Amino acid sequence: MEQSTPWEVSDDRGRLAVAGSRPLRIVAYIQAGATLWDHGIRPVGIFGSQHDGAGPDRAKSGDLPLAEIPYLGSGGALHPDTLLAARPDLVVAVTYDGRQVYGLEPKTALEVEAHVPVVSVAVGPGRGLAEVRERFAALAGSLGKGEPLSAAGELDAAEDALRQATGGPRRPRVLALSPAGPERVHLARPSAWPDLRALAEHGVGLLEPAGGAGTNWSTVGWAEAAALAADIVLTDVRANAARPEALRADENWRAIEARARLVPWNPEAPCSRRAHTRFFASMAETIRETAGS
């Protein structure tokens, strides 16, 4: 039987979301929806950010069955009436600054929140990967769902494998980036991204771009990226990032491709044990192969 007593959750903006009973119909930002799916929760609708388009970004969607879950729009193109027409009992999103509901225009967020509870989970700087994961797990638990019991052991094994891979005599140099186009690239500042900080905590040798403007990224030319001489390059695969084939006219990108192992990287991956197990296991394998070559 479904819970019929009042339901409430404090989110990471410091706001209390309250409902008369446990919410059943959930609309979510696509990353949050993919995370909830890994916990056994099926959203009735998903939405994107200002970086997304008229269709969902496959890179952000995890294992969501996109053909079966309506995509309501993204950024300024998402009208509050469209979201509310899905008749949600709860909207789940993320926040990078502890204030803004990411993926919704401020006016849209205010109008939506006047009609339905909104919960935002912090995923930005200052929040550890395990903490983000546990915040989503707690939210899913309040909704009566959770990941399989086996997921914890699988994650522990993947983390152990990563620590073992980084413990050898040769530690590959790892750079995370998001291609902006043939002339510019955004180099990730590892401390700003929970998943990159987690890699560093497990021994991965992440390269730090030069100081300057930009909290999350250092935007430079491809020559500066090539000069870092990375052995492994984590490359943003979200739809708003430039594709490798669009970069090959630049000799510096070609030098990066020739030197480094390119690994797909999703800065907005689902925040679940299942997703993090895949991430750590993939990195462990790549580091073992690179260190042994």
C-alpha atoms as a PDB file:
ATOM      1  CA  MET A   1       0.000   0.000   0.000  1.00  0.00           C
ATOM      2  CA  GLU A   2       1.211   3.521  -0.752  1.00  0.00           C
ATOM      3  CA  GLN A   3       2.014   5.873   2.099  1.00  0.00           C
ATOM      4  CA  SER A   4      -0.900   8.191   2.879  1.00  0.00           C
ATOM      5  CA  THR A   5       0.716  10.216   5.675  1.00  0.00           C
ATOM      6  CA  PRO A   6       2.279  13.610   4.978  1.00  0.00           C
ATOM      7  CA  TRP A   7       5.611  13.592   3.106  1.00  0.00           C
ATOM      8  CA  GLU A   8       8.386  16.146   3.411  1.00  0.00           C
ATOM      9  CA  VAL A   9      12.008  16.512   2.299  1.00  0.00           C
ATOM     10  CA  SER A  10      14.510  19.343   2.814  1.00  0.00           C
ATOM     11  CA  ASP A  11      16.439  20.071  -0.353  1.00  0.00           C
ATOM     12  CA  ASP A  12      19.896  21.546  -0.885  1.00  0.00           C
ATOM     13  CA  ARG A  13      18.570  25.066  -1.336  1.00  0.00           C
ATOM     14  CA  GLY A  14      17.426  24.920   2.263  1.00  0.00           C
ATOM     15  CA  ARG A  15      13.768  24.628   1.252  1.00  0.00           C
ATOM     16  CA  LEU A  16      11.232  22.193   2.619  1.00  0.00           C
ATOM     17  CA  ALA A  17       9.150  20.324   0.050  1.00  0.00           C
ATOM     18  CA  VAL A  18       5.860  19.101   1.515  1.00  0.00           C
ATOM     19  CA  ALA A  19       3.082  16.920   0.103  1.00  0.00           C
ATOM     20  CA  GLY A  20      -0.039  15.405   1.613  1.00  0.00           C
ATOM     21  CA  SER A  21       1.201  11.912   0.721  1.00  0.00           C
ATOM     22  CA  ARG A  22       4.177  10.262  -0.902  1.00  0.00           C
ATOM     23  CA  PRO A  23       4.578  11.704  -4.441  1.00  0.00           C
ATOM     24  CA  LEU A  24       3.964   9.242  -7.255  1.00  0.00           C
ATOM     25  CA  ARG A  25       4.104  11.360 -10.411  1.00  0.00           C
ATOM     26  CA  ILE A  26       7.583  12.862 -10.743  1.00  0.00           C
ATOM     27  CA  VAL A  27       8.949  15.224 -13.391  1.00  0.00           C
ATOM     28  CA  ALA A  28      12.734  15.562 -13.303  1.00  0.00           C
ATOM     29  CA  TYR A  29      15.709  17.264 -14.851  1.00  0.00           C
ATOM     30  CA  ILE A  30      17.143  14.611 -17.161  1.00  0.00           C
ATOM     31  CA  GLN A  31      20.202  13.833 -14.999  1.00  0.00           C
ATOM     32  CA  ALA A  32      18.017  13.564 -11.907  1.00  0.00           C
ATOM     33  CA  GLY A  33      15.504  11.444 -13.810  1.00  0.00           C
ATOM     34  CA  ALA A  34      18.248   9.035 -14.892  1.00  0.00           C
ATOM     35  CA  THR A  35      19.380   8.791 -11.274  1.00  0.00           C
ATOM     36  CA  LEU A  36      15.868   8.098 -10.014  1.00  0.00           C
ATOM     37  CA  TRP A  37      15.455   5.446 -12.712  1.00  0.00           C
ATOM     38  CA  ASP A  38      18.475   3.601 -11.274  1.00  0.00           C
ATOM     39  CA  HIS A  39      16.596   3.594  -7.954  1.00  0.00           C
ATOM     40  CA  GLY A  40      13.481   2.063  -9.469  1.00  0.00           C
ATOM     41  CA  ILE A  41      11.530   5.300 -10.003  1.00  0.00           C
ATOM     42  CA  ARG A  42       9.987   6.025 -13.393  1.00  0.00           C
ATOM     43  CA  PRO A  43       9.511   9.761 -14.113  1.00  0.00           C
ATOM     44  CA  VAL A  44       6.360  10.854 -15.921  1.00  0.00           C
ATOM     45  CA  GLY A  45       8.378  13.527 -17.738  1.00  0.00           C
ATOM     46  CA  ILE A  46      11.885  14.925 -18.042  1.00  0.00           C
ATOM     47  CA  PHE A  47      13.338  18.283 -19.085  1.00  0.00           C
ATOM     48  CA  GLY A  48      16.722  19.606 -20.184  1.00  0.00           C
ATOM     49  CA  SER A  49      18.875  22.661 -19.500  1.00  0.00           C
ATOM     50  CA  GLN A  50      19.633  25.820 -21.436  1.00  0.00           C
ATOM     51  CA  HIS A  51      22.446  23.861 -23.126  1.00  0.00           C
ATOM     52  CA  ASP A  52      20.018  21.279 -24.518  1.00  0.00           C
ATOM     53  CA  GLY A  53      17.728  21.353 -27.505  1.00  0.00           C
ATOM     54  CA  ALA A  54      14.297  20.225 -28.589  1.00  0.00           C
ATOM     55  CA  GLY A  55      15.160  16.589 -27.843  1.00  0.00           C
ATOM     56  CA  PRO A  56      16.783  14.887 -24.858  1.00  0.00           C
ATOM     57  CA  ASP A  57      20.572  14.647 -24.645  1.00  0.00           C
ATOM     58  CA  ARG A  58      21.285  10.909 -24.859  1.00  0.00           C
ATOM     59  CA  ALA A  59      24.541  11.373 -22.938  1.00  0.00           C
ATOM     60  CA  LYS A  60      22.673  12.634 -19.870  1.00  0.00           C
ATOM     61  CA  SER A  61      19.859  10.106 -19.909  1.00  0.00           C
ATOM     62  CA  GLY A  62      21.541   7.016 -18.459  1.00  0.00           C
ATOM     63  CA  ASP A  63      19.268   4.001 -18.844  1.00  0.00           C
ATOM     64  CA  LEU A  64      16.043   5.998 -19.160  1.00  0.00           C
ATOM     65  CA  PRO A  65      13.709   4.581 -21.841  1.00  0.00           C
ATOM     66  CA  LEU A  66      13.510   7.831 -23.781  1.00  0.00           C
ATOM     67  CA  ALA A  67      10.916   6.490 -26.228  1.00  0.00           C
ATOM     68  CA  GLU A  68       8.520   5.941 -23.324  1.00  0.00           C
ATOM     69  CA  ILE A  69       9.031   9.048 -21.161  1.00  0.00           C
ATOM     70  CA  PRO A  70       7.891  12.437 -22.500  1.00  0.00           C
ATOM     71  CA  TYR A  71      10.559  15.099 -22.954  1.00  0.00           C
ATOM     72  CA  LEU A  72       8.966  18.408 -21.994  1.00  0.00           C
ATOM     73  CA  GLY A  73      11.562  20.822 -23.361  1.00  0.00           C
ATOM     74  CA  SER A  74      14.616  22.695 -22.169  1.00  0.00           C
ATOM     75  CA  GLY A  75      15.771  26.043 -20.840  1.00  0.00           C
ATOM     76  CA  GLY A  76      13.837  29.084 -21.964  1.00  0.00           C
ATOM     77  CA  ALA A  77      11.767  26.978 -24.377  1.00  0.00           C
ATOM     78  CA  LEU A  78      10.172  25.076 -21.472  1.00  0.00           C
ATOM     79  CA  HIS A  79       6.940  26.833 -20.517  1.00  0.00           C
ATOM     80  CA  PRO A  80       5.683  26.202 -16.975  1.00  0.00           C
ATOM     81  CA  ASP A  81       2.279  25.170 -18.325  1.00  0.00           C
ATOM     82  CA  THR A  82       3.956  22.381 -20.306  1.00  0.00           C
ATOM     83  CA  LEU A  83       5.615  21.031 -17.177  1.00  0.00           C
ATOM     84  CA  LEU A  84       2.469  21.340 -15.062  1.00  0.00           C
ATOM     85  CA  ALA A  85       0.404  19.647 -17.792  1.00  0.00           C
ATOM     86  CA  ALA A  86       2.259  16.422 -16.897  1.00  0.00           C
ATOM     87  CA  ARG A  87       0.401  16.614 -13.547  1.00  0.00           C
ATOM     88  CA  PRO A  88       3.484  16.064 -11.354  1.00  0.00           C
ATOM     89  CA  ASP A  89       3.258  15.501  -7.613  1.00  0.00           C
ATOM     90  CA  LEU A  90       6.953  16.432  -7.364  1.00  0.00           C
ATOM     91  CA  VAL A  91       9.675  18.041  -9.497  1.00  0.00           C
ATOM     92  CA  VAL A  92      13.254  16.842  -8.913  1.00  0.00           C
ATOM     93  CA  ALA A  93      16.196  18.853 -10.205  1.00  0.00           C
ATOM     94  CA  VAL A  94      19.797  19.658  -9.369  1.00  0.00           C
ATOM     95  CA  THR A  95      21.497  22.858  -8.241  1.00  0.00           C
ATOM     96  CA  TYR A  96      25.075  23.986  -8.761  1.00  0.00           C
ATOM     97  CA  ASP A  97      25.016  27.093  -6.572  1.00  0.00           C
ATOM     98  CA  GLY A  98      22.579  26.107  -3.828  1.00  0.00           C
ATOM     99  CA  ARG A  99      20.021  28.642  -5.072  1.00  0.00           C
ATOM    100  CA  GLN A 100      19.003  28.122  -8.705  1.00  0.00           C
ATOM    101  CA  VAL A 101      16.912  25.173  -9.859  1.00  0.00           C
ATOM    102  CA  TYR A 102      19.143  24.073 -12.732  1.00  0.00           C
ATOM    103  CA  GLY A 103      17.357  23.551 -16.034  1.00  0.00           C
ATOM    104  CA  LEU A 104      14.468  25.913 -15.245  1.00  0.00           C
ATOM    105  CA  GLU A 105      14.425  29.639 -15.901  1.00  0.00           C
ATOM    106  CA  PRO A 106      14.039  31.511 -12.572  1.00  0.00           C
ATOM    107  CA  LYS A 107      10.519  32.700 -13.457  1.00  0.00           C
ATOM    108  CA  THR A 108       9.533  29.203 -14.552  1.00  0.00           C
ATOM    109  CA  ALA A 109      10.869  27.719 -11.322  1.00  0.00           C
ATOM    110  CA  LEU A 110       8.879  30.225  -9.245  1.00  0.00           C
ATOM    111  CA  GLU A 111       5.663  29.486 -11.108  1.00  0.00           C
ATOM    112  CA  VAL A 112       6.134  25.722 -10.927  1.00  0.00           C
ATOM    113  CA  GLU A 113       6.985  25.824  -7.237  1.00  0.00           C
ATOM    114  CA  ALA A 114       3.773  27.745  -6.559  1.00  0.00           C
ATOM    115  CA  HIS A 115       1.855  24.650  -7.711  1.00  0.00           C
ATOM    116  CA  VAL A 116       4.007  21.615  -6.922  1.00  0.00           C
ATOM    117  CA  PRO A 117       6.862  20.729  -4.516  1.00  0.00           C
ATOM    118  CA  VAL A 118      10.364  21.066  -5.990  1.00  0.00           C
ATOM    119  CA  VAL A 119      13.461  19.293  -4.639  1.00  0.00           C
ATOM    120  CA  SER A 120      16.936  20.283  -5.881  1.00  0.00           C
ATOM    121  CA  VAL A 121      20.018  18.201  -5.045  1.00  0.00           C
ATOM    122  CA  ALA A 122      23.394  19.996  -4.974  1.00  0.00           C
ATOM    123  CA  VAL A 123      25.898  18.572  -7.468  1.00  0.00           C
ATOM    124  CA  GLY A 124      28.396  21.429  -7.727  1.00  0.00           C
ATOM    125  CA  PRO A 125      31.682  22.396  -6.082  1.00  0.00           C
ATOM    126  CA  GLY A 126      31.893  21.575  -2.401  1.00  0.00           C
ATOM    127  CA  ARG A 127      29.762  18.442  -2.670  1.00  0.00           C
ATOM    128  CA  GLY A 128      31.554  15.086  -2.710  1.00  0.00           C
ATOM    129  CA  LEU A 129      30.492  12.382  -5.141  1.00  0.00           C
ATOM    130  CA  ALA A 130      29.489   9.979  -2.374  1.00  0.00           C
ATOM    131  CA  GLU A 131      27.477  12.737  -0.712  1.00  0.00           C
ATOM    132  CA  VAL A 132      25.608  13.502  -3.951  1.00  0.00           C
ATOM    133  CA  ARG A 133      24.911   9.794  -4.367  1.00  0.00           C
ATOM    134  CA  GLU A 134      23.606   9.460  -0.819  1.00  0.00           C
ATOM    135  CA  ARG A 135      21.398  12.540  -1.141  1.00  0.00           C
ATOM    136  CA  PHE A 136      19.672  10.985  -4.139  1.00  0.00           C
ATOM    137  CA  ALA A 137      19.464   7.644  -2.330  1.00  0.00           C
ATOM    138  CA  ALA A 138      17.773   9.344   0.634  1.00  0.00           C
ATOM    139  CA  LEU A 139      15.301  11.076  -1.684  1.00  0.00           C
ATOM    140  CA  ALA A 140      14.523   7.792  -3.427  1.00  0.00           C
ATOM    141  CA  GLY A 141      14.085   6.138  -0.030  1.00  0.00           C
ATOM    142  CA  SER A 142      11.537   8.779   0.974  1.00  0.00           C
ATOM    143  CA  LEU A 143       9.690   7.833  -2.218  1.00  0.00           C
ATOM    144  CA  GLY A 144       9.710   4.166  -1.228  1.00  0.00           C
ATOM    145  CA  LYS A 145      12.416   3.007  -3.650  1.00  0.00           C
ATOM    146  CA  GLY A 146      16.117   2.154  -3.701  1.00  0.00           C
ATOM    147  CA  GLU A 147      18.933   0.493  -5.600  1.00  0.00           C
ATOM    148  CA  PRO A 148      19.467  -3.289  -5.364  1.00  0.00           C
ATOM    149  CA  LEU A 149      21.403  -4.410  -2.284  1.00  0.00           C
ATOM    150  CA  SER A 150      24.116  -5.801  -4.561  1.00  0.00           C
ATOM    151  CA  ALA A 151      24.912  -2.308  -5.872  1.00  0.00           C
ATOM    152  CA  ALA A 152      26.935  -1.339  -2.786  1.00  0.00           C
ATOM    153  CA  GLY A 153      29.272  -4.314  -3.102  1.00  0.00           C
ATOM    154  CA  GLU A 154      29.741  -3.753  -6.812  1.00  0.00           C
ATOM    155  CA  LEU A 155      30.693  -0.117  -6.195  1.00  0.00           C
ATOM    156  CA  ASP A 156      33.173  -1.113  -3.469  1.00  0.00           C
ATOM    157  CA  ALA A 157      34.801  -3.572  -5.880  1.00  0.00           C
ATOM    158  CA  ALA A 158      35.086  -0.941  -8.629  1.00  0.00           C
ATOM    159  CA  GLU A 159      36.659   1.558  -6.220  1.00  0.00           C
ATOM    160  CA  ASP A 160      39.153  -1.095  -5.046  1.00  0.00           C
ATOM    161  CA  ALA A 161      40.037  -1.866  -8.668  1.00  0.00           C
ATOM    162  CA  LEU A 162      40.655   1.827  -9.344  1.00  0.00           C
ATOM    163  CA  ARG A 163      42.918   2.200  -6.311  1.00  0.00           C
ATOM    164  CA  GLN A 164      44.891  -0.861  -7.377  1.00  0.00           C
ATOM    165  CA  ALA A 165      45.239   0.452 -10.931  1.00  0.00           C
ATOM    166  CA  THR A 166      46.615   3.784  -9.716  1.00  0.00           C
ATOM    167  CA  GLY A 167      49.033   2.161  -7.289  1.00  0.00           C
ATOM    168  CA  GLY A 168      51.545   1.011  -9.896  1.00  0.00           C
ATOM    169  CA  PRO A 169      54.937   2.541 -10.643  1.00  0.00           C
ATOM    170  CA  ARG A 170      53.572   4.575 -13.567  1.00  0.00           C
ATOM    171  CA  ARG A 171      50.627   6.852 -12.955  1.00  0.00           C
ATOM    172  CA  PRO A 172      49.145   8.203 -16.202  1.00  0.00           C
ATOM    173  CA  ARG A 173      48.438  11.928 -16.524  1.00  0.00           C
ATOM    174  CA  VAL A 174      44.680  12.525 -16.906  1.00  0.00           C
ATOM    175  CA  LEU A 175      43.028  15.635 -18.342  1.00  0.00           C
ATOM    176  CA  ALA A 176      39.272  16.281 -18.435  1.00  0.00           C
ATOM    177  CA  LEU A 177      37.960  18.674 -21.051  1.00  0.00           C
ATOM    178  CA  SER A 178      34.952  19.843 -23.030  1.00  0.00           C
ATOM    179  CA  PRO A 179      35.648  20.825 -26.657  1.00  0.00           C
ATOM    180  CA  ALA A 180      34.167  24.235 -27.480  1.00  0.00           C
ATOM    181  CA  GLY A 181      35.148  24.073 -31.149  1.00  0.00           C
ATOM    182  CA  PRO A 182      38.189  24.042 -33.444  1.00  0.00           C
ATOM    183  CA  GLU A 183      39.815  27.005 -31.684  1.00  0.00           C
ATOM    184  CA  ARG A 184      38.873  26.783 -28.004  1.00  0.00           C
ATOM    185  CA  VAL A 185      38.535  24.135 -25.325  1.00  0.00           C
ATOM    186  CA  HIS A 186      37.225  24.152 -21.765  1.00  0.00           C
ATOM    187  CA  LEU A 187      39.666  22.408 -19.411  1.00  0.00           C
ATOM    188  CA  ALA A 188      37.990  21.086 -16.281  1.00  0.00           C
ATOM    189  CA  ARG A 189      39.182  22.224 -12.888  1.00  0.00           C
ATOM    190  CA  PRO A 190      39.151  18.891 -10.998  1.00  0.00           C
ATOM    191  CA  SER A 191      38.183  20.439  -7.655  1.00  0.00           C
ATOM    192  CA  ALA A 192      34.949  21.785  -9.176  1.00  0.00           C
ATOM    193  CA  TRP A 193      33.569  18.414 -10.263  1.00  0.00           C
ATOM    194  CA  PRO A 194      32.550  15.750  -7.704  1.00  0.00           C
ATOM    195  CA  ASP A 195      33.368  12.863 -10.044  1.00  0.00           C
ATOM    196  CA  LEU A 196      36.844  14.229 -10.826  1.00  0.00           C
ATOM    197  CA  ARG A 197      37.566  14.874  -7.153  1.00  0.00           C
ATOM    198  CA  ALA A 198      36.561  11.277  -6.459  1.00  0.00           C
ATOM    199  CA  LEU A 199      39.038  10.063  -9.076  1.00  0.00           C
ATOM    200  CA  ALA A 200      41.810  12.083  -7.417  1.00  0.00           C
ATOM    201  CA  GLU A 201      40.871  10.668  -4.019  1.00  0.00           C
ATOM    202  CA  HIS A 202      41.362   7.177  -5.478  1.00  0.00           C
ATOM    203  CA  GLY A 203      44.819   8.037  -6.776  1.00  0.00           C
ATOM    204  CA  VAL A 204      44.155   9.211 -10.337  1.00  0.00           C
ATOM    205  CA  GLY A 205      46.718  11.788 -11.490  1.00  0.00           C
ATOM    206  CA  LEU A 206      44.484  14.603 -12.731  1.00  0.00           C
ATOM    207  CA  LEU A 207      46.046  17.595 -14.444  1.00  0.00           C
ATOM    208  CA  GLU A 208      45.133  21.043 -13.137  1.00  0.00           C
ATOM    209  CA  PRO A 209      44.809  23.827 -15.742  1.00  0.00           C
ATOM    210  CA  ALA A 210      46.433  27.189 -15.115  1.00  0.00           C
ATOM    211  CA  GLY A 211      44.708  29.619 -12.809  1.00  0.00           C
ATOM    212  CA  GLY A 212      42.488  32.367 -14.131  1.00  0.00           C
ATOM    213  CA  ALA A 213      38.848  33.131 -14.779  1.00  0.00           C
ATOM    214  CA  GLY A 214      36.282  30.373 -14.581  1.00  0.00           C
ATOM    215  CA  THR A 215      35.223  28.392 -11.539  1.00  0.00           C
ATOM    216  CA  ASN A 216      34.555  25.080 -13.277  1.00  0.00           C
ATOM    217  CA  TRP A 217      36.540  25.486 -16.496  1.00  0.00           C
ATOM    218  CA  SER A 218      39.643  27.182 -17.848  1.00  0.00           C
ATOM    219  CA  THR A 219      38.904  28.181 -21.446  1.00  0.00           C
ATOM    220  CA  VAL A 220      42.058  28.157 -23.575  1.00  0.00           C
ATOM    221  CA  GLY A 221      43.313  27.357 -27.068  1.00  0.00           C
ATOM    222  CA  TRP A 222      44.100  23.807 -28.141  1.00  0.00           C
ATOM    223  CA  ALA A 223      47.841  24.527 -27.989  1.00  0.00           C
ATOM    224  CA  GLU A 224      47.602  24.972 -24.211  1.00  0.00           C
ATOM    225  CA  ALA A 225      45.663  21.714 -23.888  1.00  0.00           C
ATOM    226  CA  ALA A 226      48.196  19.809 -25.997  1.00  0.00           C
ATOM    227  CA  ALA A 227      51.085  21.240 -23.957  1.00  0.00           C
ATOM    228  CA  LEU A 228      49.795  19.468 -20.841  1.00  0.00           C
ATOM    229  CA  ALA A 229      50.829  16.168 -22.497  1.00  0.00           C
ATOM    230  CA  ALA A 230      48.041  14.056 -21.023  1.00  0.00           C
ATOM    231  CA  ASP A 231      48.149  10.272 -21.347  1.00  0.00           C
ATOM    232  CA  ILE A 232      44.369   9.952 -20.887  1.00  0.00           C
ATOM    233  CA  VAL A 233      41.861  12.599 -21.972  1.00  0.00           C
ATOM    234  CA  LEU A 234      38.336  12.519 -20.567  1.00  0.00           C
ATOM    235  CA  THR A 235      36.263  14.128 -23.321  1.00  0.00           C
ATOM    236  CA  ASP A 236      32.828  15.621 -22.698  1.00  0.00           C
ATOM    237  CA  VAL A 237      30.230  13.665 -24.679  1.00  0.00           C
ATOM    238  CA  ARG A 238      27.210  15.863 -23.975  1.00  0.00           C
ATOM    239  CA  ALA A 239      25.370  17.206 -27.006  1.00  0.00           C
ATOM    240  CA  ASN A 240      26.614  20.777 -26.492  1.00  0.00           C
ATOM    241  CA  ALA A 241      30.294  19.717 -26.738  1.00  0.00           C
ATOM    242  CA  ALA A 242      32.020  19.723 -30.130  1.00  0.00           C
ATOM    243  CA  ARG A 243      32.623  16.294 -31.666  1.00  0.00           C
ATOM    244  CA  PRO A 244      36.164  15.032 -32.417  1.00  0.00           C
ATOM    245  CA  GLU A 245      35.544  14.999 -36.168  1.00  0.00           C
ATOM    246  CA  ALA A 246      34.951  18.774 -36.019  1.00  0.00           C
ATOM    247  CA  LEU A 247      38.357  19.322 -34.409  1.00  0.00           C
ATOM    248  CA  ARG A 248      40.723  17.429 -36.679  1.00  0.00           C
ATOM    249  CA  ALA A 249      41.681  20.440 -38.777  1.00  0.00           C
ATOM    250  CA  ASP A 250      43.645  21.634 -35.727  1.00  0.00           C
ATOM    251  CA  GLU A 251      47.145  20.185 -35.405  1.00  0.00           C
ATOM    252  CA  ASN A 252      47.054  20.410 -31.622  1.00  0.00           C
ATOM    253  CA  TRP A 253      43.926  18.259 -31.406  1.00  0.00           C
ATOM    254  CA  ARG A 254      45.531  15.781 -33.765  1.00  0.00           C
ATOM    255  CA  ALA A 255      48.551  15.691 -31.452  1.00  0.00           C
ATOM    256  CA  ILE A 256      46.272  14.967 -28.486  1.00  0.00           C
ATOM    257  CA  GLU A 257      44.545  12.166 -30.390  1.00  0.00           C
ATOM    258  CA  ALA A 258      47.891  10.663 -31.377  1.00  0.00           C
ATOM    259  CA  ARG A 259      49.323  10.745 -27.853  1.00  0.00           C
ATOM    260  CA  ALA A 260      46.418  10.093 -25.490  1.00  0.00           C
ATOM    261  CA  ARG A 261      43.707   7.544 -24.928  1.00  0.00           C
ATOM    262  CA  LEU A 262      40.372   9.327 -25.391  1.00  0.00           C
ATOM    263  CA  VAL A 263      37.716   8.306 -22.872  1.00  0.00           C
ATOM    264  CA  PRO A 264      34.071   9.463 -23.028  1.00  0.00           C
ATOM    265  CA  TRP A 265      33.219  11.639 -20.025  1.00  0.00           C
ATOM    266  CA  ASN A 266      29.781  12.795 -18.976  1.00  0.00           C
ATOM    267  CA  PRO A 267      29.932  15.632 -16.411  1.00  0.00           C
ATOM    268  CA  GLU A 268      26.199  15.080 -15.804  1.00  0.00           C
ATOM    269  CA  ALA A 269      26.106  11.308 -15.383  1.00  0.00           C
ATOM    270  CA  PRO A 270      23.459   9.719 -13.141  1.00  0.00           C
ATOM    271  CA  CYS A 271      24.323   9.990  -9.438  1.00  0.00           C
ATOM    272  CA  SER A 272      23.770   6.342  -8.513  1.00  0.00           C
ATOM    273  CA  ARG A 273      25.871   3.413  -7.375  1.00  0.00           C
ATOM    274  CA  ARG A 274      25.242   1.712 -10.715  1.00  0.00           C
ATOM    275  CA  ALA A 275      26.524   4.673 -12.731  1.00  0.00           C
ATOM    276  CA  HIS A 276      29.498   5.305 -10.449  1.00  0.00           C
ATOM    277  CA  THR A 277      30.455   1.630 -10.575  1.00  0.00           C
ATOM    278  CA  ARG A 278      30.623   1.851 -14.373  1.00  0.00           C
ATOM    279  CA  PHE A 279      32.655   5.053 -14.195  1.00  0.00           C
ATOM    280  CA  PHE A 280      35.245   3.734 -11.736  1.00  0.00           C
ATOM    281  CA  ALA A 281      35.507   0.337 -13.463  1.00  0.00           C
ATOM    282  CA  SER A 282      36.041   1.992 -16.857  1.00  0.00           C
ATOM    283  CA  MET A 283      38.713   4.298 -15.449  1.00  0.00           C
ATOM    284  CA  ALA A 284      40.491   1.404 -13.731  1.00  0.00           C
ATOM    285  CA  GLU A 285      40.640  -0.537 -17.001  1.00  0.00           C
ATOM    286  CA  THR A 286      41.854   2.477 -18.983  1.00  0.00           C
ATOM    287  CA  ILE A 287      44.571   3.274 -16.438  1.00  0.00           C
ATOM    288  CA  ARG A 288      45.785  -0.330 -16.360  1.00  0.00           C
ATOM    289  CA  GLU A 289      45.977  -0.417 -20.162  1.00  0.00           C
ATOM    290  CA  THR A 290      47.720   2.958 -20.364  1.00  0.00           C
ATOM    291  CA  ALA A 291      50.228   2.236 -17.605  1.00  0.00           C
ATOM    292  CA  GLY A 292      51.101  -1.080 -19.240  1.00  0.00           C
ATOM    293  CA  SER A 293      51.611   0.294 -22.738  1.00  0.00           C
END
